[in-house]
């Protein structure tokens, strides 16, 4: 598969403009490397919105889905650094998906990412999955590299900023990722590209937007 591994942690958030310098420094100098170093994590990618909300997006690939509930990952969540706690407290509009990669087609990853957020109808997941997987074909479209389906685990998907006991409406959402080489190609496939399919399967289209890659980090980049 073009996406490494079988699990994906997706996080997205806004931060106040006054806090962005410290937020980006933390993400670039501590947070991504800290997460990629966890046993079972393979790589991470950072994005900034071109035409999307929230503004910032992070994708963390894991060798298996089970890594995202492993003792090593739970320990990292329970022992955040002071810098992490300071920045997490400033997140706004946070989305946090702990997901299985259920389909991935194409070759490689692009510099531009389309993100379609879908809320399945209870009991209609199988039909929706079948329809989405059939549509994940980048080959007919110039500028598209690969396409992927992520399905959140409702029990594990919870924004870190939510108070205890609160279940986020987004906990059971799915995400279609569209990797491409340019904004125009990705936008054409993302904005409106899944509306009819979603409606025909009783689901709700929550959002669709386009992000641009900031940088990525693989486990092998960490060295010894």
N, C-alpha and C. Protein backbone atom coordinates (compact mmCIF):
# COMPACT_ATOMS: atom_id res chain seq x y z
N UNK A 1 0.84 -1.19 0.00
CA UNK A 1 0.00 0.00 0.00
C UNK A 1 0.88 1.25 0.00
N UNK A 2 0.43 2.34 -0.62
CA UNK A 2 1.21 3.57 -0.58
C UNK A 2 1.33 4.17 0.81
N UNK A 3 0.34 3.93 1.67
CA UNK A 3 0.48 4.36 3.06
C UNK A 3 1.19 3.28 3.85
N UNK A 4 2.18 3.68 4.62
CA UNK A 4 2.91 2.72 5.44
C UNK A 4 2.03 2.24 6.58
N UNK A 5 2.06 0.93 6.85
CA UNK A 5 1.38 0.39 8.00
C UNK A 5 -0.11 0.19 7.82
N UNK A 6 -0.77 -0.09 8.96
CA UNK A 6 -2.20 -0.40 8.96
C UNK A 6 -3.02 0.53 9.84
N UNK A 7 -2.35 1.36 10.63
CA UNK A 7 -3.05 2.28 11.52
C UNK A 7 -2.67 3.71 11.21
N UNK A 8 -3.56 4.64 11.57
CA UNK A 8 -3.29 6.04 11.33
C UNK A 8 -3.89 6.88 12.46
N UNK A 9 -3.08 7.74 13.03
CA UNK A 9 -3.55 8.77 13.95
C UNK A 9 -3.64 10.06 13.16
N UNK A 10 -4.81 10.65 13.14
CA UNK A 10 -5.04 11.91 12.45
C UNK A 10 -5.40 12.96 13.48
N UNK A 11 -4.67 14.06 13.48
CA UNK A 11 -4.99 15.16 14.38
C UNK A 11 -5.06 16.46 13.58
N UNK A 12 -6.01 17.30 13.93
CA UNK A 12 -6.16 18.57 13.25
C UNK A 12 -6.64 19.60 14.26
N UNK A 13 -6.16 20.82 14.12
CA UNK A 13 -6.51 21.85 15.09
C UNK A 13 -6.23 23.25 14.56
N UNK A 14 -6.87 24.21 15.19
CA UNK A 14 -6.54 25.62 15.02
C UNK A 14 -5.80 26.09 16.27
N UNK A 15 -5.02 27.13 16.11
CA UNK A 15 -4.40 27.82 17.25
C UNK A 15 -4.51 29.32 17.00
N UNK A 16 -4.57 30.09 18.06
CA UNK A 16 -4.63 31.54 17.90
C UNK A 16 -3.36 32.04 17.23
N UNK A 17 -3.47 33.04 16.38
CA UNK A 17 -2.27 33.57 15.70
C UNK A 17 -1.14 33.94 16.65
N UNK A 18 -1.47 34.44 17.82
CA UNK A 18 -0.43 34.83 18.77
C UNK A 18 0.37 33.64 19.29
N UNK A 19 -0.21 32.44 19.19
CA UNK A 19 0.44 31.24 19.72
C UNK A 19 1.10 30.40 18.63
N UNK A 20 0.97 30.80 17.35
CA UNK A 20 1.41 29.94 16.27
C UNK A 20 2.93 29.74 16.23
N UNK A 21 3.69 30.74 16.56
CA UNK A 21 5.15 30.59 16.49
C UNK A 21 5.62 29.51 17.45
N UNK A 22 5.14 29.53 18.69
CA UNK A 22 5.53 28.51 19.66
C UNK A 22 4.96 27.15 19.28
N UNK A 23 3.72 27.12 18.79
CA UNK A 23 3.09 25.89 18.35
C UNK A 23 3.90 25.22 17.25
N UNK A 24 4.27 25.95 16.22
CA UNK A 24 5.03 25.37 15.11
C UNK A 24 6.43 24.95 15.52
N UNK A 25 7.04 25.73 16.40
CA UNK A 25 8.38 25.35 16.90
C UNK A 25 8.29 24.04 17.69
N UNK A 26 7.28 23.93 18.53
CA UNK A 26 7.07 22.70 19.31
C UNK A 26 6.84 21.51 18.40
N UNK A 27 5.95 21.66 17.43
CA UNK A 27 5.64 20.56 16.52
C UNK A 27 6.88 20.12 15.75
N UNK A 28 7.65 21.10 15.27
CA UNK A 28 8.81 20.80 14.42
C UNK A 28 10.03 20.32 15.19
N UNK A 29 10.19 20.79 16.40
CA UNK A 29 11.41 20.50 17.16
C UNK A 29 11.25 19.43 18.22
N UNK A 30 10.02 19.11 18.62
CA UNK A 30 9.83 18.10 19.65
C UNK A 30 8.76 17.06 19.29
N UNK A 31 7.57 17.53 18.96
CA UNK A 31 6.41 16.63 18.98
C UNK A 31 6.47 15.53 17.93
N UNK A 32 6.76 15.86 16.68
CA UNK A 32 6.75 14.83 15.64
C UNK A 32 7.82 13.78 15.91
N UNK A 33 9.03 14.20 16.23
CA UNK A 33 10.10 13.23 16.50
C UNK A 33 9.76 12.36 17.71
N UNK A 34 9.16 12.96 18.72
CA UNK A 34 8.77 12.21 19.92
C UNK A 34 7.75 11.13 19.58
N UNK A 35 6.79 11.45 18.74
CA UNK A 35 5.78 10.47 18.38
C UNK A 35 6.34 9.38 17.46
N UNK A 36 7.12 9.76 16.47
CA UNK A 36 7.68 8.78 15.54
C UNK A 36 8.60 7.80 16.27
N UNK A 37 9.20 8.23 17.37
CA UNK A 37 10.11 7.37 18.14
C UNK A 37 9.37 6.28 18.92
N UNK A 38 8.05 6.40 19.09
CA UNK A 38 7.30 5.40 19.85
C UNK A 38 7.32 4.07 19.10
N UNK A 39 7.48 2.98 19.83
CA UNK A 39 7.47 1.65 19.22
C UNK A 39 6.21 1.45 18.37
N UNK A 40 6.40 1.04 17.13
CA UNK A 40 5.27 0.78 16.24
C UNK A 40 4.88 1.95 15.36
N UNK A 41 5.30 3.17 15.70
CA UNK A 41 5.07 4.31 14.83
C UNK A 41 6.09 4.28 13.70
N UNK A 42 5.66 4.58 12.48
CA UNK A 42 6.53 4.47 11.31
C UNK A 42 6.93 5.82 10.73
N UNK A 43 6.00 6.76 10.67
CA UNK A 43 6.29 8.05 10.06
C UNK A 43 5.21 9.04 10.44
N UNK A 44 5.50 10.32 10.19
CA UNK A 44 4.51 11.38 10.44
C UNK A 44 4.65 12.43 9.35
N UNK A 45 3.52 13.08 9.05
CA UNK A 45 3.50 14.16 8.08
C UNK A 45 2.72 15.33 8.65
N UNK A 46 3.21 16.54 8.40
CA UNK A 46 2.54 17.77 8.83
C UNK A 46 2.02 18.53 7.63
N UNK A 47 0.81 19.08 7.75
CA UNK A 47 0.20 19.86 6.69
C UNK A 47 -0.34 21.18 7.24
N UNK A 48 -0.47 22.15 6.33
CA UNK A 48 -1.15 23.40 6.64
C UNK A 48 -2.24 23.59 5.59
N UNK A 49 -3.35 24.18 6.00
CA UNK A 49 -4.49 24.32 5.10
C UNK A 49 -4.19 25.25 3.94
N UNK A 50 -4.56 24.82 2.75
CA UNK A 50 -4.62 25.70 1.58
C UNK A 50 -6.04 26.23 1.45
N UNK A 51 -6.99 25.34 1.59
CA UNK A 51 -8.42 25.70 1.57
C UNK A 51 -9.14 24.63 2.40
N UNK A 52 -9.03 24.75 3.72
CA UNK A 52 -9.57 23.73 4.61
C UNK A 52 -9.62 24.27 6.03
N UNK A 53 -10.31 23.56 6.88
CA UNK A 53 -10.35 23.86 8.31
C UNK A 53 -10.50 22.54 9.07
N UNK A 54 -9.83 22.43 10.22
CA UNK A 54 -8.93 23.37 10.87
C UNK A 54 -7.65 23.63 10.05
N UNK A 55 -6.84 24.56 10.53
CA UNK A 55 -5.69 25.03 9.76
C UNK A 55 -4.58 24.00 9.68
N UNK A 56 -4.31 23.30 10.78
CA UNK A 56 -3.17 22.37 10.83
C UNK A 56 -3.65 20.92 10.87
N UNK A 57 -2.88 20.05 10.21
CA UNK A 57 -3.22 18.63 10.12
C UNK A 57 -1.95 17.80 10.29
N UNK A 58 -2.04 16.75 11.09
CA UNK A 58 -0.94 15.81 11.25
C UNK A 58 -1.42 14.39 11.02
N UNK A 59 -0.60 13.60 10.31
CA UNK A 59 -0.89 12.19 10.06
C UNK A 59 0.26 11.36 10.58
N UNK A 60 -0.04 10.33 11.38
CA UNK A 60 0.97 9.47 11.99
C UNK A 60 0.65 8.02 11.63
N UNK A 61 1.51 7.38 10.87
CA UNK A 61 1.28 6.00 10.44
C UNK A 61 1.88 5.03 11.46
N UNK A 62 1.17 3.92 11.70
CA UNK A 62 1.66 2.90 12.63
C UNK A 62 1.65 1.54 11.95
N UNK A 63 2.53 0.66 12.41
CA UNK A 63 2.69 -0.64 11.78
C UNK A 63 1.40 -1.45 11.81
N UNK A 64 0.70 -1.41 12.94
CA UNK A 64 -0.60 -2.06 13.07
C UNK A 64 -1.55 -1.09 13.74
N UNK A 65 -2.83 -1.35 13.62
CA UNK A 65 -3.81 -0.51 14.31
C UNK A 65 -3.63 -0.62 15.82
N UNK A 66 -3.26 -1.79 16.30
CA UNK A 66 -3.15 -2.03 17.75
C UNK A 66 -2.09 -1.14 18.41
N UNK A 67 -1.13 -0.64 17.64
CA UNK A 67 -0.11 0.26 18.20
C UNK A 67 -0.77 1.48 18.84
N UNK A 68 -1.92 1.90 18.30
CA UNK A 68 -2.58 3.11 18.76
C UNK A 68 -3.33 2.93 20.08
N UNK A 69 -3.32 1.71 20.62
CA UNK A 69 -3.81 1.48 21.98
C UNK A 69 -2.78 0.72 22.80
N UNK A 70 -1.53 0.74 22.36
CA UNK A 70 -0.46 -0.02 23.00
C UNK A 70 0.01 0.65 24.29
N UNK A 71 0.65 -0.12 25.18
CA UNK A 71 1.21 0.50 26.39
C UNK A 71 2.19 1.62 26.09
N UNK A 72 2.99 1.48 25.04
CA UNK A 72 3.97 2.52 24.70
C UNK A 72 3.28 3.82 24.33
N UNK A 73 2.21 3.73 23.54
CA UNK A 73 1.51 4.96 23.14
C UNK A 73 0.73 5.53 24.32
N UNK A 74 0.09 4.68 25.11
CA UNK A 74 -0.64 5.18 26.28
C UNK A 74 0.31 5.88 27.26
N UNK A 75 1.52 5.35 27.39
CA UNK A 75 2.50 5.98 28.28
C UNK A 75 2.89 7.36 27.76
N UNK A 76 3.04 7.49 26.44
CA UNK A 76 3.38 8.79 25.86
C UNK A 76 2.27 9.81 26.11
N UNK A 77 1.00 9.37 25.99
CA UNK A 77 -0.12 10.28 26.24
C UNK A 77 -0.19 10.70 27.70
N UNK A 78 0.17 9.78 28.58
CA UNK A 78 0.07 10.06 30.02
C UNK A 78 1.25 10.86 30.55
N UNK A 79 2.31 10.98 29.76
CA UNK A 79 3.53 11.64 30.24
C UNK A 79 3.98 12.70 29.23
N UNK A 80 3.08 13.64 28.95
CA UNK A 80 3.40 14.72 28.03
C UNK A 80 4.44 15.65 28.65
N UNK A 81 5.27 16.23 27.80
CA UNK A 81 6.24 17.21 28.28
C UNK A 81 5.52 18.51 28.65
N UNK A 82 6.21 19.36 29.38
CA UNK A 82 5.63 20.66 29.75
C UNK A 82 5.32 21.47 28.50
N UNK A 83 6.20 21.41 27.51
CA UNK A 83 5.98 22.13 26.25
C UNK A 83 4.74 21.59 25.54
N UNK A 84 4.57 20.27 25.56
CA UNK A 84 3.38 19.66 24.95
C UNK A 84 2.11 20.12 25.67
N UNK A 85 2.10 20.02 26.98
CA UNK A 85 0.90 20.41 27.73
C UNK A 85 0.53 21.87 27.48
N UNK A 86 1.53 22.72 27.39
CA UNK A 86 1.27 24.14 27.17
C UNK A 86 0.60 24.36 25.81
N UNK A 87 1.07 23.64 24.79
CA UNK A 87 0.49 23.83 23.46
C UNK A 87 -0.85 23.13 23.30
N UNK A 88 -0.98 21.92 23.83
CA UNK A 88 -2.25 21.20 23.72
C UNK A 88 -3.38 22.00 24.35
N UNK A 89 -3.10 22.69 25.44
CA UNK A 89 -4.12 23.49 26.11
C UNK A 89 -4.63 24.63 25.23
N UNK A 90 -3.88 24.98 24.19
CA UNK A 90 -4.26 26.08 23.31
C UNK A 90 -4.93 25.62 22.02
N UNK A 91 -5.07 24.31 21.83
CA UNK A 91 -5.74 23.81 20.63
C UNK A 91 -7.20 24.28 20.61
N UNK A 92 -7.67 24.61 19.42
CA UNK A 92 -9.09 24.92 19.22
C UNK A 92 -9.61 24.07 18.05
N UNK A 93 -10.89 23.73 18.13
CA UNK A 93 -11.54 22.98 17.04
C UNK A 93 -10.79 21.68 16.72
N UNK A 94 -10.36 20.99 17.75
CA UNK A 94 -9.51 19.81 17.52
C UNK A 94 -10.31 18.62 16.99
N UNK A 95 -9.70 17.92 16.05
CA UNK A 95 -10.18 16.62 15.55
C UNK A 95 -9.07 15.61 15.84
N UNK A 96 -9.45 14.47 16.39
CA UNK A 96 -8.46 13.42 16.64
C UNK A 96 -9.08 12.08 16.26
N UNK A 97 -8.55 11.49 15.19
CA UNK A 97 -9.04 10.21 14.71
C UNK A 97 -8.01 9.11 14.92
N UNK A 98 -8.42 8.05 15.57
CA UNK A 98 -7.59 6.85 15.71
C UNK A 98 -8.20 5.83 14.76
N UNK A 99 -7.53 5.58 13.65
CA UNK A 99 -8.20 4.94 12.52
C UNK A 99 -7.46 3.73 11.97
N UNK A 100 -8.24 2.87 11.38
CA UNK A 100 -7.71 1.78 10.55
C UNK A 100 -7.60 2.26 9.11
N UNK A 101 -6.51 1.90 8.45
CA UNK A 101 -6.39 2.15 7.01
C UNK A 101 -7.05 0.96 6.32
N UNK A 102 -8.26 1.17 5.81
CA UNK A 102 -9.01 0.04 5.26
C UNK A 102 -8.86 -0.08 3.75
N UNK A 103 -8.35 0.93 3.09
CA UNK A 103 -8.07 0.84 1.65
C UNK A 103 -7.03 1.88 1.30
N UNK A 104 -6.13 1.51 0.38
CA UNK A 104 -5.07 2.44 -0.05
C UNK A 104 -4.64 2.02 -1.44
N UNK A 105 -4.84 2.93 -2.42
CA UNK A 105 -4.54 2.58 -3.81
C UNK A 105 -3.66 3.66 -4.44
N UNK A 106 -2.78 3.23 -5.34
CA UNK A 106 -1.88 4.14 -6.02
C UNK A 106 -0.45 3.88 -5.62
N UNK A 107 0.43 4.84 -5.92
CA UNK A 107 1.85 4.71 -5.60
C UNK A 107 2.37 6.03 -5.06
N UNK A 108 2.89 5.98 -3.83
CA UNK A 108 3.53 7.16 -3.28
C UNK A 108 2.58 8.15 -2.66
N UNK A 109 3.17 9.25 -2.20
CA UNK A 109 2.43 10.34 -1.57
C UNK A 109 2.76 11.64 -2.27
N UNK A 110 1.84 12.59 -2.27
CA UNK A 110 2.03 13.84 -2.97
C UNK A 110 2.27 15.01 -2.03
N UNK A 111 2.57 16.17 -2.62
CA UNK A 111 2.82 17.39 -1.85
C UNK A 111 1.52 18.09 -1.45
N UNK A 112 0.41 17.66 -2.04
CA UNK A 112 -0.90 18.24 -1.74
C UNK A 112 -1.83 17.10 -1.32
N UNK A 113 -2.66 17.38 -0.31
CA UNK A 113 -3.56 16.35 0.22
C UNK A 113 -4.98 16.88 0.26
N UNK A 114 -5.90 16.11 -0.32
CA UNK A 114 -7.31 16.38 -0.14
C UNK A 114 -7.84 15.54 1.01
N UNK A 115 -8.70 16.13 1.82
CA UNK A 115 -9.26 15.42 2.98
C UNK A 115 -10.77 15.57 2.95
N UNK A 116 -11.47 14.43 2.87
CA UNK A 116 -12.93 14.41 2.88
C UNK A 116 -13.35 13.71 4.17
N UNK A 117 -14.15 14.38 4.97
CA UNK A 117 -14.60 13.84 6.26
C UNK A 117 -16.06 13.42 6.14
N UNK A 118 -16.33 12.16 6.45
CA UNK A 118 -17.64 11.55 6.22
C UNK A 118 -18.15 10.95 7.53
N UNK A 119 -19.45 11.12 7.79
CA UNK A 119 -20.07 10.49 8.97
C UNK A 119 -21.02 9.40 8.48
N UNK A 120 -20.65 8.11 8.64
CA UNK A 120 -21.51 7.02 8.14
C UNK A 120 -22.82 6.94 8.90
N UNK A 121 -23.83 6.43 8.23
CA UNK A 121 -25.09 6.13 8.91
C UNK A 121 -24.97 4.77 9.60
N UNK A 122 -25.44 4.67 10.82
CA UNK A 122 -25.36 3.42 11.56
C UNK A 122 -26.07 2.31 10.80
N UNK A 123 -25.37 1.20 10.63
CA UNK A 123 -25.93 0.05 9.94
C UNK A 123 -25.69 0.05 8.44
N UNK A 124 -25.18 1.17 7.90
CA UNK A 124 -24.95 1.26 6.45
C UNK A 124 -23.47 1.32 6.12
N UNK A 125 -22.63 0.94 7.07
CA UNK A 125 -21.19 1.08 6.86
C UNK A 125 -20.66 0.20 5.72
N UNK A 126 -21.15 -1.02 5.61
CA UNK A 126 -20.62 -1.93 4.59
C UNK A 126 -20.87 -1.40 3.18
N UNK A 127 -22.07 -0.91 2.94
CA UNK A 127 -22.39 -0.38 1.61
C UNK A 127 -21.57 0.87 1.31
N UNK A 128 -21.41 1.73 2.31
CA UNK A 128 -20.61 2.94 2.12
C UNK A 128 -19.15 2.59 1.83
N UNK A 129 -18.61 1.64 2.58
CA UNK A 129 -17.22 1.22 2.37
C UNK A 129 -17.03 0.68 0.95
N UNK A 130 -17.93 -0.16 0.53
CA UNK A 130 -17.83 -0.74 -0.81
C UNK A 130 -17.84 0.36 -1.88
N UNK A 131 -18.70 1.34 -1.72
CA UNK A 131 -18.80 2.42 -2.70
C UNK A 131 -17.55 3.29 -2.71
N UNK A 132 -17.02 3.60 -1.52
CA UNK A 132 -15.82 4.44 -1.45
C UNK A 132 -14.63 3.71 -2.06
N UNK A 133 -14.44 2.46 -1.68
CA UNK A 133 -13.29 1.70 -2.18
C UNK A 133 -13.32 1.62 -3.71
N UNK A 134 -14.51 1.46 -4.28
CA UNK A 134 -14.63 1.41 -5.74
C UNK A 134 -14.23 2.73 -6.39
N UNK A 135 -14.35 3.83 -5.64
CA UNK A 135 -14.02 5.15 -6.18
C UNK A 135 -12.57 5.55 -5.97
N UNK A 136 -11.82 4.75 -5.21
CA UNK A 136 -10.43 5.11 -4.91
C UNK A 136 -9.50 4.65 -6.03
N UNK A 137 -9.54 5.35 -7.13
CA UNK A 137 -8.70 5.01 -8.27
C UNK A 137 -8.06 6.28 -8.82
N UNK A 138 -6.80 6.54 -8.49
CA UNK A 138 -6.16 7.78 -8.95
C UNK A 138 -5.71 7.74 -10.41
N UNK A 139 -5.61 6.56 -11.01
CA UNK A 139 -4.98 6.43 -12.32
C UNK A 139 -5.65 7.24 -13.43
N UNK A 140 -6.98 7.34 -13.47
CA UNK A 140 -7.59 8.10 -14.57
C UNK A 140 -7.37 9.62 -14.49
N UNK A 141 -6.82 10.12 -13.38
CA UNK A 141 -6.77 11.56 -13.15
C UNK A 141 -5.33 12.07 -13.11
N UNK A 142 -4.97 12.94 -14.04
CA UNK A 142 -3.64 13.55 -14.00
C UNK A 142 -3.45 14.32 -12.70
N UNK A 143 -2.29 14.14 -12.11
CA UNK A 143 -1.98 14.89 -10.89
C UNK A 143 -2.39 14.20 -9.61
N UNK A 144 -3.10 13.06 -9.67
CA UNK A 144 -3.42 12.30 -8.47
C UNK A 144 -2.46 11.13 -8.35
N UNK A 145 -1.98 10.89 -7.14
CA UNK A 145 -0.95 9.88 -6.89
C UNK A 145 -1.52 8.66 -6.18
N UNK A 146 -2.27 8.88 -5.14
CA UNK A 146 -2.83 7.77 -4.37
C UNK A 146 -4.06 8.26 -3.62
N UNK A 147 -4.91 7.28 -3.21
CA UNK A 147 -6.14 7.60 -2.50
C UNK A 147 -6.35 6.56 -1.40
N UNK A 148 -6.94 6.98 -0.28
CA UNK A 148 -6.97 6.12 0.90
C UNK A 148 -8.27 6.32 1.68
N UNK A 149 -8.67 5.27 2.38
CA UNK A 149 -9.82 5.35 3.28
C UNK A 149 -9.37 5.02 4.69
N UNK A 150 -9.69 5.91 5.63
CA UNK A 150 -9.42 5.71 7.06
C UNK A 150 -10.75 5.63 7.78
N UNK A 151 -10.88 4.66 8.68
CA UNK A 151 -12.11 4.51 9.47
C UNK A 151 -11.77 4.63 10.95
N UNK A 152 -12.31 5.65 11.59
CA UNK A 152 -12.07 5.87 13.01
C UNK A 152 -12.59 4.71 13.86
N UNK A 153 -11.88 4.44 14.92
CA UNK A 153 -12.39 3.58 15.99
C UNK A 153 -13.11 4.48 16.99
N UNK A 154 -14.45 4.36 17.14
CA UNK A 154 -15.19 5.29 18.00
C UNK A 154 -14.75 5.27 19.45
N UNK A 155 -14.26 4.12 19.93
CA UNK A 155 -13.86 4.04 21.34
C UNK A 155 -12.55 4.76 21.62
N UNK A 156 -11.71 4.92 20.61
CA UNK A 156 -10.39 5.50 20.81
C UNK A 156 -10.26 6.92 20.28
N UNK A 157 -11.18 7.33 19.40
CA UNK A 157 -11.08 8.64 18.76
C UNK A 157 -11.72 9.70 19.63
N UNK A 158 -10.87 10.51 20.24
CA UNK A 158 -11.36 11.52 21.17
C UNK A 158 -10.36 12.67 21.22
N UNK A 159 -10.77 13.90 20.93
CA UNK A 159 -9.85 15.03 21.05
C UNK A 159 -9.24 15.11 22.45
N UNK A 160 -7.96 15.39 22.52
CA UNK A 160 -7.28 15.49 23.82
C UNK A 160 -7.83 16.65 24.63
N UNK A 161 -8.49 17.59 23.97
CA UNK A 161 -9.02 18.76 24.66
C UNK A 161 -10.43 18.54 25.20
N UNK A 162 -11.05 17.39 24.90
CA UNK A 162 -12.39 17.12 25.43
C UNK A 162 -12.31 16.76 26.91
N UNK A 163 -13.27 17.21 27.71
CA UNK A 163 -13.30 16.80 29.12
C UNK A 163 -13.61 15.32 29.26
N UNK A 164 -13.23 14.70 30.38
CA UNK A 164 -13.51 13.27 30.59
C UNK A 164 -15.00 12.98 30.48
N UNK A 165 -15.32 11.82 29.87
CA UNK A 165 -16.69 11.39 29.76
C UNK A 165 -17.45 11.95 28.58
N UNK A 166 -16.85 12.87 27.84
CA UNK A 166 -17.51 13.46 26.68
C UNK A 166 -17.19 12.63 25.44
N UNK A 167 -18.21 12.26 24.68
CA UNK A 167 -18.03 11.54 23.42
C UNK A 167 -18.19 12.52 22.27
N UNK A 168 -17.16 12.71 21.49
CA UNK A 168 -17.21 13.65 20.39
C UNK A 168 -18.10 13.11 19.27
N UNK A 169 -18.89 13.98 18.61
CA UNK A 169 -19.69 13.53 17.47
C UNK A 169 -18.83 12.97 16.33
N UNK A 170 -17.56 13.35 16.30
CA UNK A 170 -16.67 12.92 15.21
C UNK A 170 -16.02 11.57 15.46
N UNK A 171 -16.34 10.93 16.59
CA UNK A 171 -15.62 9.72 16.98
C UNK A 171 -15.74 8.58 15.97
N UNK A 172 -16.84 8.53 15.24
CA UNK A 172 -17.06 7.44 14.28
C UNK A 172 -16.87 7.90 12.84
N UNK A 173 -16.29 9.07 12.63
CA UNK A 173 -16.13 9.58 11.27
C UNK A 173 -15.11 8.78 10.48
N UNK A 174 -15.23 8.85 9.17
CA UNK A 174 -14.26 8.29 8.24
C UNK A 174 -13.61 9.44 7.47
N UNK A 175 -12.42 9.15 6.92
CA UNK A 175 -11.71 10.15 6.14
C UNK A 175 -11.22 9.54 4.84
N UNK A 176 -11.47 10.24 3.75
CA UNK A 176 -10.84 9.89 2.47
C UNK A 176 -9.68 10.85 2.26
N UNK A 177 -8.50 10.30 2.00
CA UNK A 177 -7.30 11.07 1.73
C UNK A 177 -6.96 10.96 0.25
N UNK A 178 -6.68 12.09 -0.37
CA UNK A 178 -6.36 12.13 -1.80
C UNK A 178 -5.01 12.82 -1.96
N UNK A 179 -3.99 12.04 -2.30
CA UNK A 179 -2.64 12.57 -2.48
C UNK A 179 -2.42 12.97 -3.93
N UNK A 180 -1.85 14.16 -4.14
CA UNK A 180 -1.60 14.61 -5.50
C UNK A 180 -0.42 15.55 -5.59
N UNK A 181 -0.13 15.96 -6.81
CA UNK A 181 1.05 16.79 -7.06
C UNK A 181 0.73 18.27 -7.13
N UNK A 182 -0.54 18.64 -7.29
CA UNK A 182 -0.89 20.04 -7.40
C UNK A 182 -2.26 20.33 -6.83
N UNK A 183 -2.46 21.59 -6.46
CA UNK A 183 -3.70 22.00 -5.81
C UNK A 183 -4.90 21.78 -6.71
N UNK A 184 -4.82 22.15 -7.99
CA UNK A 184 -5.98 22.09 -8.87
C UNK A 184 -6.50 20.66 -9.02
N UNK A 185 -5.57 19.71 -9.23
CA UNK A 185 -5.98 18.32 -9.40
C UNK A 185 -6.62 17.77 -8.14
N UNK A 186 -6.01 18.07 -7.00
CA UNK A 186 -6.53 17.55 -5.74
C UNK A 186 -7.86 18.21 -5.40
N UNK A 187 -7.98 19.51 -5.62
CA UNK A 187 -9.24 20.19 -5.33
C UNK A 187 -10.37 19.61 -6.16
N UNK A 188 -10.12 19.35 -7.43
CA UNK A 188 -11.16 18.83 -8.31
C UNK A 188 -11.68 17.48 -7.84
N UNK A 189 -10.79 16.65 -7.28
CA UNK A 189 -11.19 15.33 -6.80
C UNK A 189 -11.81 15.38 -5.41
N UNK A 190 -11.51 16.43 -4.65
CA UNK A 190 -11.92 16.51 -3.25
C UNK A 190 -13.21 17.27 -3.06
N UNK A 191 -13.30 18.47 -3.59
CA UNK A 191 -14.46 19.33 -3.38
C UNK A 191 -15.58 18.87 -4.32
N UNK A 192 -16.56 18.22 -3.78
CA UNK A 192 -17.68 17.71 -4.56
C UNK A 192 -17.47 16.32 -5.12
N UNK A 193 -16.26 15.80 -4.99
CA UNK A 193 -15.95 14.53 -5.62
C UNK A 193 -16.64 13.33 -4.99
N UNK A 194 -17.06 13.46 -3.71
CA UNK A 194 -17.68 12.33 -3.02
C UNK A 194 -19.09 12.65 -2.55
N UNK A 195 -19.61 13.81 -2.92
CA UNK A 195 -20.92 14.24 -2.41
C UNK A 195 -22.03 13.26 -2.78
N UNK A 196 -22.11 12.89 -4.04
CA UNK A 196 -23.20 12.02 -4.48
C UNK A 196 -23.08 10.63 -3.87
N UNK A 197 -21.87 10.10 -3.85
CA UNK A 197 -21.63 8.78 -3.28
C UNK A 197 -22.05 8.75 -1.81
N UNK A 198 -21.68 9.77 -1.08
CA UNK A 198 -22.02 9.85 0.35
C UNK A 198 -23.54 9.92 0.53
N UNK A 199 -24.20 10.77 -0.25
CA UNK A 199 -25.64 10.92 -0.11
C UNK A 199 -26.37 9.63 -0.47
N UNK A 200 -25.92 8.93 -1.49
CA UNK A 200 -26.58 7.71 -1.93
C UNK A 200 -26.50 6.60 -0.89
N UNK A 201 -25.53 6.71 0.02
CA UNK A 201 -25.36 5.67 1.04
C UNK A 201 -25.78 6.14 2.43
N UNK A 202 -26.59 7.20 2.46
CA UNK A 202 -27.19 7.65 3.71
C UNK A 202 -26.23 8.29 4.69
N UNK A 203 -25.01 8.61 4.24
CA UNK A 203 -24.02 9.21 5.13
C UNK A 203 -24.09 10.73 5.04
N UNK A 204 -23.30 11.40 5.87
CA UNK A 204 -23.24 12.87 5.85
C UNK A 204 -21.82 13.31 5.50
N UNK A 205 -21.71 14.25 4.59
CA UNK A 205 -20.42 14.84 4.28
C UNK A 205 -20.18 15.99 5.25
N UNK A 206 -19.21 15.84 6.12
CA UNK A 206 -18.96 16.84 7.17
C UNK A 206 -18.09 17.97 6.66
N UNK A 207 -17.06 17.65 5.90
CA UNK A 207 -16.14 18.69 5.40
C UNK A 207 -15.29 18.11 4.29
N UNK A 208 -14.79 19.00 3.44
CA UNK A 208 -13.85 18.61 2.40
C UNK A 208 -12.91 19.79 2.18
N UNK A 209 -11.61 19.53 2.15
CA UNK A 209 -10.66 20.61 1.99
C UNK A 209 -9.33 20.14 1.46
N UNK A 210 -8.44 21.11 1.22
CA UNK A 210 -7.15 20.84 0.61
C UNK A 210 -6.03 21.37 1.52
N UNK A 211 -5.04 20.53 1.74
CA UNK A 211 -3.88 20.86 2.57
C UNK A 211 -2.60 20.75 1.76
N UNK A 212 -1.58 21.50 2.18
CA UNK A 212 -0.26 21.43 1.56
C UNK A 212 0.75 20.89 2.58
N UNK A 213 1.62 20.03 2.09
CA UNK A 213 2.61 19.39 2.97
C UNK A 213 3.61 20.41 3.50
N UNK A 214 3.87 20.36 4.81
CA UNK A 214 4.94 21.14 5.42
C UNK A 214 6.23 20.31 5.44
N UNK A 215 6.16 19.11 6.05
CA UNK A 215 7.31 18.21 6.04
C UNK A 215 6.89 16.86 6.59
N UNK A 216 7.77 15.87 6.42
CA UNK A 216 7.49 14.54 6.93
C UNK A 216 8.74 13.97 7.60
N UNK A 217 8.52 12.99 8.47
CA UNK A 217 9.60 12.36 9.21
C UNK A 217 9.33 10.87 9.30
N UNK A 218 10.32 10.06 8.90
CA UNK A 218 10.22 8.61 9.00
C UNK A 218 11.08 8.11 10.15
N UNK A 219 10.77 6.91 10.62
CA UNK A 219 11.54 6.33 11.72
C UNK A 219 13.03 6.29 11.38
N UNK A 220 13.35 5.98 10.12
CA UNK A 220 14.75 5.89 9.72
C UNK A 220 15.47 7.22 9.79
N UNK A 221 14.73 8.33 9.78
CA UNK A 221 15.35 9.66 9.87
C UNK A 221 15.86 9.96 11.27
N UNK A 222 15.41 9.21 12.26
CA UNK A 222 15.79 9.51 13.65
C UNK A 222 17.21 9.07 13.97
N UNK A 223 17.77 8.19 13.14
CA UNK A 223 19.13 7.73 13.39
C UNK A 223 19.20 6.84 14.62
N UNK A 224 20.35 6.79 15.22
CA UNK A 224 20.56 5.92 16.37
C UNK A 224 19.90 6.42 17.61
